[in-house]
């Protein structure tokens, strides 16, 4: 459809006048393409150069795929199942920025590579997206009288917390005049 040259033309010299050349015998494999058709199906060698030309047509492969990995930066921990997109056309450009998704507790950071061109080499059809843990989260500690839930001291909020950090309630116990510490619920949280 484009007549783009896929491979340098091949010229066969020292041909004999009147010989028949079958175009099908000239078909070769070209990476990323499927053989489609020939024009003409055969030629008879003549003294006119324009009559001694065979065009072999190919179409781009459309059975390729690419994979997007969602990873934690620094650790390469898998944050979400990899996505594979099938039925891709050879030579199509895929931008990593178009593959970014929201992942709870994480911020998108970077990609490697930032763009791919669909190839027949599956190892080149991979985009790694890197995310970092959010550090803008918070937690609150309430100080209550057991049984009545009366507020004994103003709640404490800790800001700038990192997603996934474990906080032990025992580390938040304070002295309150006239009261003894009894228990905590829950005894531990994970910043979410």
C-alpha atoms as a PDB file:
ATOM      1  CA  UNK A   1       0.000   0.000   0.000  1.00  0.00           C
ATOM      2  CA  UNK A   2       2.924   2.400   0.526  1.00  0.00           C
ATOM      3  CA  UNK A   3       5.509   1.023  -1.916  1.00  0.00           C
ATOM      4  CA  UNK A   4       8.110   1.720   0.756  1.00  0.00           C
ATOM      5  CA  UNK A   5      11.320  -0.200   0.029  1.00  0.00           C
ATOM      6  CA  UNK A   6      11.763  -2.878   2.688  1.00  0.00           C
ATOM      7  CA  UNK A   7      15.062  -4.273   1.474  1.00  0.00           C
ATOM      8  CA  UNK A   8      17.531  -3.276  -1.208  1.00  0.00           C
ATOM      9  CA  UNK A   9      16.428  -4.513  -4.627  1.00  0.00           C
ATOM     10  CA  UNK A  10      18.180  -7.614  -5.898  1.00  0.00           C
ATOM     11  CA  UNK A  11      19.539  -7.652  -9.441  1.00  0.00           C
ATOM     12  CA  UNK A  12      20.411 -10.934 -11.147  1.00  0.00           C
ATOM     13  CA  UNK A  13      22.859 -10.451 -14.036  1.00  0.00           C
ATOM     14  CA  UNK A  14      23.828 -12.778 -16.911  1.00  0.00           C
ATOM     15  CA  UNK A  15      20.254 -13.909 -17.611  1.00  0.00           C
ATOM     16  CA  UNK A  16      19.343 -15.639 -20.870  1.00  0.00           C
ATOM     17  CA  UNK A  17      16.878 -14.033 -23.282  1.00  0.00           C
ATOM     18  CA  UNK A  18      13.527 -15.864 -23.205  1.00  0.00           C
ATOM     19  CA  UNK A  19      14.025 -17.582 -19.839  1.00  0.00           C
ATOM     20  CA  UNK A  20      10.996 -17.511 -17.507  1.00  0.00           C
ATOM     21  CA  UNK A  21      11.454 -16.361 -13.926  1.00  0.00           C
ATOM     22  CA  UNK A  22       8.752 -17.295 -11.414  1.00  0.00           C
ATOM     23  CA  UNK A  23       8.235 -14.494  -8.889  1.00  0.00           C
ATOM     24  CA  UNK A  24       7.370 -16.996  -6.144  1.00  0.00           C
ATOM     25  CA  UNK A  25      10.942 -18.297  -6.332  1.00  0.00           C
ATOM     26  CA  UNK A  26      12.221 -14.818  -5.397  1.00  0.00           C
ATOM     27  CA  UNK A  27      10.211 -14.430  -2.170  1.00  0.00           C
ATOM     28  CA  UNK A  28      12.406 -13.959   0.896  1.00  0.00           C
ATOM     29  CA  UNK A  29      11.687 -13.445   4.594  1.00  0.00           C
ATOM     30  CA  UNK A  30      11.760  -9.861   5.831  1.00  0.00           C
ATOM     31  CA  UNK A  31      11.739  -9.243   9.576  1.00  0.00           C
ATOM     32  CA  UNK A  32       8.427  -7.818  10.775  1.00  0.00           C
ATOM     33  CA  UNK A  33       6.586  -8.517   7.543  1.00  0.00           C
ATOM     34  CA  UNK A  34       4.484 -11.261   5.974  1.00  0.00           C
ATOM     35  CA  UNK A  35       4.662 -12.086   2.275  1.00  0.00           C
ATOM     36  CA  UNK A  36       1.505 -10.880   0.526  1.00  0.00           C
ATOM     37  CA  UNK A  37       1.712 -11.027  -3.267  1.00  0.00           C
ATOM     38  CA  UNK A  38       3.820 -10.573  -6.428  1.00  0.00           C
ATOM     39  CA  UNK A  39       3.384  -8.502  -9.564  1.00  0.00           C
ATOM     40  CA  UNK A  40       3.707 -10.025 -12.092  1.00  0.00           C
ATOM     41  CA  UNK A  41       3.618 -13.722 -11.199  1.00  0.00           C
ATOM     42  CA  UNK A  42       6.373 -14.418 -13.693  1.00  0.00           C
ATOM     43  CA  UNK A  43       8.482 -12.638 -16.282  1.00  0.00           C
ATOM     44  CA  UNK A  44      10.145 -13.700 -19.492  1.00  0.00           C
ATOM     45  CA  UNK A  45      13.602 -12.176 -19.843  1.00  0.00           C
ATOM     46  CA  UNK A  46      13.571  -9.564 -22.590  1.00  0.00           C
ATOM     47  CA  UNK A  47      15.868  -6.848 -23.838  1.00  0.00           C
ATOM     48  CA  UNK A  48      13.633  -4.152 -22.282  1.00  0.00           C
ATOM     49  CA  UNK A  49      14.769  -3.529 -18.710  1.00  0.00           C
ATOM     50  CA  UNK A  50      11.326  -2.307 -17.571  1.00  0.00           C
ATOM     51  CA  UNK A  51       9.854  -5.696 -18.550  1.00  0.00           C
ATOM     52  CA  UNK A  52      12.402  -7.535 -16.402  1.00  0.00           C
ATOM     53  CA  UNK A  53      11.123  -6.321 -13.005  1.00  0.00           C
ATOM     54  CA  UNK A  54       9.301  -8.291 -10.324  1.00  0.00           C
ATOM     55  CA  UNK A  55       7.707  -6.502  -7.349  1.00  0.00           C
ATOM     56  CA  UNK A  56       7.149  -8.573  -4.251  1.00  0.00           C
ATOM     57  CA  UNK A  57       4.707  -7.099  -1.721  1.00  0.00           C
ATOM     58  CA  UNK A  58       4.689  -7.616   2.022  1.00  0.00           C
ATOM     59  CA  UNK A  59       2.378  -6.503   4.826  1.00  0.00           C
ATOM     60  CA  UNK A  60       3.397  -5.584   8.348  1.00  0.00           C
ATOM     61  CA  UNK A  61       2.912  -8.313  10.942  1.00  0.00           C
ATOM     62  CA  UNK A  62      -0.042  -7.659  13.246  1.00  0.00           C
ATOM     63  CA  UNK A  63       0.469 -10.617  15.587  1.00  0.00           C
ATOM     64  CA  UNK A  64       3.039  -9.001  17.886  1.00  0.00           C
ATOM     65  CA  UNK A  65       2.676  -7.865  21.496  1.00  0.00           C
ATOM     66  CA  UNK A  66       4.187  -5.645  24.141  1.00  0.00           C
ATOM     67  CA  UNK A  67       4.301  -5.843  27.934  1.00  0.00           C
ATOM     68  CA  UNK A  68       4.097  -3.134  30.570  1.00  0.00           C
ATOM     69  CA  UNK A  69       5.574  -3.848  34.019  1.00  0.00           C
ATOM     70  CA  UNK A  70       4.492  -1.836  37.070  1.00  0.00           C
ATOM     71  CA  UNK A  71       7.392  -1.766  39.523  1.00  0.00           C
ATOM     72  CA  UNK A  72       8.450  -0.050  42.724  1.00  0.00           C
ATOM     73  CA  UNK A  73      11.477   2.125  42.066  1.00  0.00           C
ATOM     74  CA  UNK A  74      14.645   0.960  43.870  1.00  0.00           C
ATOM     75  CA  UNK A  75      13.265  -2.497  44.800  1.00  0.00           C
ATOM     76  CA  UNK A  76      11.670  -3.579  41.476  1.00  0.00           C
ATOM     77  CA  UNK A  77       8.858  -5.115  43.531  1.00  0.00           C
ATOM     78  CA  UNK A  78       5.851  -5.861  41.314  1.00  0.00           C
ATOM     79  CA  UNK A  79       3.026  -3.465  42.275  1.00  0.00           C
ATOM     80  CA  UNK A  80       0.443  -4.675  39.797  1.00  0.00           C
ATOM     81  CA  UNK A  81       0.203  -7.579  37.390  1.00  0.00           C
ATOM     82  CA  UNK A  82       1.999  -6.863  34.125  1.00  0.00           C
ATOM     83  CA  UNK A  83      -0.188  -5.867  31.183  1.00  0.00           C
ATOM     84  CA  UNK A  84       0.304  -7.495  27.781  1.00  0.00           C
ATOM     85  CA  UNK A  85      -1.227  -5.925  24.677  1.00  0.00           C
ATOM     86  CA  UNK A  86      -1.603  -8.406  21.803  1.00  0.00           C
ATOM     87  CA  UNK A  87      -2.342  -7.929  18.083  1.00  0.00           C
ATOM     88  CA  UNK A  88       0.189  -5.124  17.713  1.00  0.00           C
ATOM     89  CA  UNK A  89       1.502  -4.008  14.319  1.00  0.00           C
ATOM     90  CA  UNK A  90       5.205  -4.113  13.529  1.00  0.00           C
ATOM     91  CA  UNK A  91       6.768  -0.646  13.689  1.00  0.00           C
ATOM     92  CA  UNK A  92       4.045   0.960  15.814  1.00  0.00           C
ATOM     93  CA  UNK A  93       5.400   3.416  18.376  1.00  0.00           C
ATOM     94  CA  UNK A  94       4.165   3.062  21.960  1.00  0.00           C
ATOM     95  CA  UNK A  95       4.747   5.869  24.462  1.00  0.00           C
ATOM     96  CA  UNK A  96       5.300   4.819  28.084  1.00  0.00           C
ATOM     97  CA  UNK A  97       3.395   7.908  29.270  1.00  0.00           C
ATOM     98  CA  UNK A  98       0.230   6.479  27.693  1.00  0.00           C
ATOM     99  CA  UNK A  99       0.583   3.343  29.839  1.00  0.00           C
ATOM    100  CA  UNK A 100       0.723   5.031  33.273  1.00  0.00           C
ATOM    101  CA  UNK A 101      -2.053   3.912  35.650  1.00  0.00           C
ATOM    102  CA  UNK A 102      -2.943   4.956  39.195  1.00  0.00           C
ATOM    103  CA  UNK A 103      -1.681   2.537  41.835  1.00  0.00           C
ATOM    104  CA  UNK A 104      -3.017   2.988  45.376  1.00  0.00           C
ATOM    105  CA  UNK A 105      -0.349   4.302  47.738  1.00  0.00           C
ATOM    106  CA  UNK A 106       2.133   5.140  44.979  1.00  0.00           C
ATOM    107  CA  UNK A 107       3.089   8.016  42.704  1.00  0.00           C
ATOM    108  CA  UNK A 108       4.291   7.457  39.148  1.00  0.00           C
ATOM    109  CA  UNK A 109       8.013   8.281  38.921  1.00  0.00           C
ATOM    110  CA  UNK A 110       9.579   7.297  35.593  1.00  0.00           C
ATOM    111  CA  UNK A 111       9.730   4.823  32.709  1.00  0.00           C
ATOM    112  CA  UNK A 112      12.430   2.826  30.996  1.00  0.00           C
ATOM    113  CA  UNK A 113      12.355   3.094  28.050  1.00  0.00           C
ATOM    114  CA  UNK A 114      10.115   6.116  27.515  1.00  0.00           C
ATOM    115  CA  UNK A 115       9.050   4.794  24.106  1.00  0.00           C
ATOM    116  CA  UNK A 116       9.263   1.532  22.159  1.00  0.00           C
ATOM    117  CA  UNK A 117       8.777   0.600  18.522  1.00  0.00           C
ATOM    118  CA  UNK A 118       7.031  -2.753  18.124  1.00  0.00           C
ATOM    119  CA  UNK A 119       9.616  -5.290  17.033  1.00  0.00           C
ATOM    120  CA  UNK A 120       9.748  -9.023  16.379  1.00  0.00           C
ATOM    121  CA  UNK A 121      12.179  -9.255  19.301  1.00  0.00           C
ATOM    122  CA  UNK A 122       9.863  -9.623  22.312  1.00  0.00           C
ATOM    123  CA  UNK A 123      12.639  -8.512  24.685  1.00  0.00           C
ATOM    124  CA  UNK A 124      12.522  -5.069  23.046  1.00  0.00           C
ATOM    125  CA  UNK A 125       8.742  -4.836  23.450  1.00  0.00           C
ATOM    126  CA  UNK A 126       8.821  -4.188  27.202  1.00  0.00           C
ATOM    127  CA  UNK A 127       8.119  -0.969  29.105  1.00  0.00           C
ATOM    128  CA  UNK A 128       8.977  -0.730  32.802  1.00  0.00           C
ATOM    129  CA  UNK A 129       7.002   1.895  34.721  1.00  0.00           C
ATOM    130  CA  UNK A 130       8.470   2.880  38.091  1.00  0.00           C
ATOM    131  CA  UNK A 131       6.509   4.154  41.081  1.00  0.00           C
ATOM    132  CA  UNK A 132       7.515   5.496  44.502  1.00  0.00           C
ATOM    133  CA  UNK A 133       5.587   5.200  47.758  1.00  0.00           C
ATOM    134  CA  UNK A 134       3.463   8.177  48.700  1.00  0.00           C
ATOM    135  CA  UNK A 135       4.935  10.215  51.568  1.00  0.00           C
ATOM    136  CA  UNK A 136       2.033  12.641  52.014  1.00  0.00           C
ATOM    137  CA  UNK A 137      -0.165  10.413  54.203  1.00  0.00           C
ATOM    138  CA  UNK A 138      -1.054  10.747  57.885  1.00  0.00           C
ATOM    139  CA  UNK A 139      -2.353   8.845  60.892  1.00  0.00           C
ATOM    140  CA  UNK A 140      -4.269   9.912  63.992  1.00  0.00           C
ATOM    141  CA  UNK A 141      -4.045   8.745  67.605  1.00  0.00           C
ATOM    142  CA  UNK A 142      -7.107   9.209  69.811  1.00  0.00           C
ATOM    143  CA  UNK A 143      -6.736   9.247  73.636  1.00  0.00           C
ATOM    144  CA  UNK A 144     -10.008   7.977  75.118  1.00  0.00           C
ATOM    145  CA  UNK A 145     -11.417   6.767  78.423  1.00  0.00           C
ATOM    146  CA  UNK A 146     -12.129   3.051  78.170  1.00  0.00           C
ATOM    147  CA  UNK A 147     -15.827   2.245  78.331  1.00  0.00           C
ATOM    148  CA  UNK A 148     -17.086   5.794  77.701  1.00  0.00           C
ATOM    149  CA  UNK A 149     -14.868   6.956  74.812  1.00  0.00           C
ATOM    150  CA  UNK A 150     -14.598  10.341  76.529  1.00  0.00           C
ATOM    151  CA  UNK A 151     -11.760  12.328  74.981  1.00  0.00           C
ATOM    152  CA  UNK A 152      -8.969  12.628  77.565  1.00  0.00           C
ATOM    153  CA  UNK A 153      -6.497  14.536  75.440  1.00  0.00           C
ATOM    154  CA  UNK A 154      -6.677  16.159  72.013  1.00  0.00           C
ATOM    155  CA  UNK A 155      -6.045  13.645  69.197  1.00  0.00           C
ATOM    156  CA  UNK A 156      -2.561  13.652  67.701  1.00  0.00           C
ATOM    157  CA  UNK A 157      -2.098  13.587  63.912  1.00  0.00           C
ATOM    158  CA  UNK A 158       1.244  12.663  62.358  1.00  0.00           C
ATOM    159  CA  UNK A 159       1.683  13.960  58.809  1.00  0.00           C
ATOM    160  CA  UNK A 160       4.196  13.139  56.037  1.00  0.00           C
ATOM    161  CA  UNK A 161       3.895   9.413  56.559  1.00  0.00           C
ATOM    162  CA  UNK A 162       5.052   6.872  53.969  1.00  0.00           C
ATOM    163  CA  UNK A 163       2.636   4.365  52.457  1.00  0.00           C
ATOM    164  CA  UNK A 164       3.090   0.893  53.968  1.00  0.00           C
ATOM    165  CA  UNK A 165       4.869   2.045  57.149  1.00  0.00           C
ATOM    166  CA  UNK A 166       3.853   0.059  60.246  1.00  0.00           C
ATOM    167  CA  UNK A 167       2.927   2.050  63.336  1.00  0.00           C
ATOM    168  CA  UNK A 168       2.708   0.303  66.726  1.00  0.00           C
ATOM    169  CA  UNK A 169       0.113   1.669  69.160  1.00  0.00           C
ATOM    170  CA  UNK A 170       2.496   0.937  72.063  1.00  0.00           C
ATOM    171  CA  UNK A 171       4.864   3.610  70.668  1.00  0.00           C
ATOM    172  CA  UNK A 172       2.070   6.209  70.932  1.00  0.00           C
ATOM    173  CA  UNK A 173       1.221   5.714  74.632  1.00  0.00           C
ATOM    174  CA  UNK A 174       1.532   8.899  76.716  1.00  0.00           C
ATOM    175  CA  UNK A 175       0.993   9.751  80.374  1.00  0.00           C
ATOM    176  CA  UNK A 176      -2.392  11.299  81.162  1.00  0.00           C
ATOM    177  CA  UNK A 177      -2.866  12.705  84.639  1.00  0.00           C
ATOM    178  CA  UNK A 178      -5.276  10.577  86.674  1.00  0.00           C
ATOM    179  CA  UNK A 179      -5.345   7.659  84.222  1.00  0.00           C
ATOM    180  CA  UNK A 180      -3.475   4.413  83.619  1.00  0.00           C
ATOM    181  CA  UNK A 181      -2.891   3.121  80.097  1.00  0.00           C
ATOM    182  CA  UNK A 182      -5.152   0.109  79.471  1.00  0.00           C
ATOM    183  CA  UNK A 183      -5.161  -1.010  75.832  1.00  0.00           C
ATOM    184  CA  UNK A 184      -5.186   0.023  72.190  1.00  0.00           C
ATOM    185  CA  UNK A 185      -7.420  -0.819  69.261  1.00  0.00           C
ATOM    186  CA  UNK A 186      -5.911  -1.681  66.883  1.00  0.00           C
ATOM    187  CA  UNK A 187      -2.528  -2.517  68.324  1.00  0.00           C
ATOM    188  CA  UNK A 188      -0.817  -1.771  65.015  1.00  0.00           C
ATOM    189  CA  UNK A 189      -1.659  -0.038  61.727  1.00  0.00           C
ATOM    190  CA  UNK A 190      -0.099   0.023  58.289  1.00  0.00           C
ATOM    191  CA  UNK A 191      -0.231   3.435  56.636  1.00  0.00           C
ATOM    192  CA  UNK A 192      -2.729   3.271  53.779  1.00  0.00           C
END
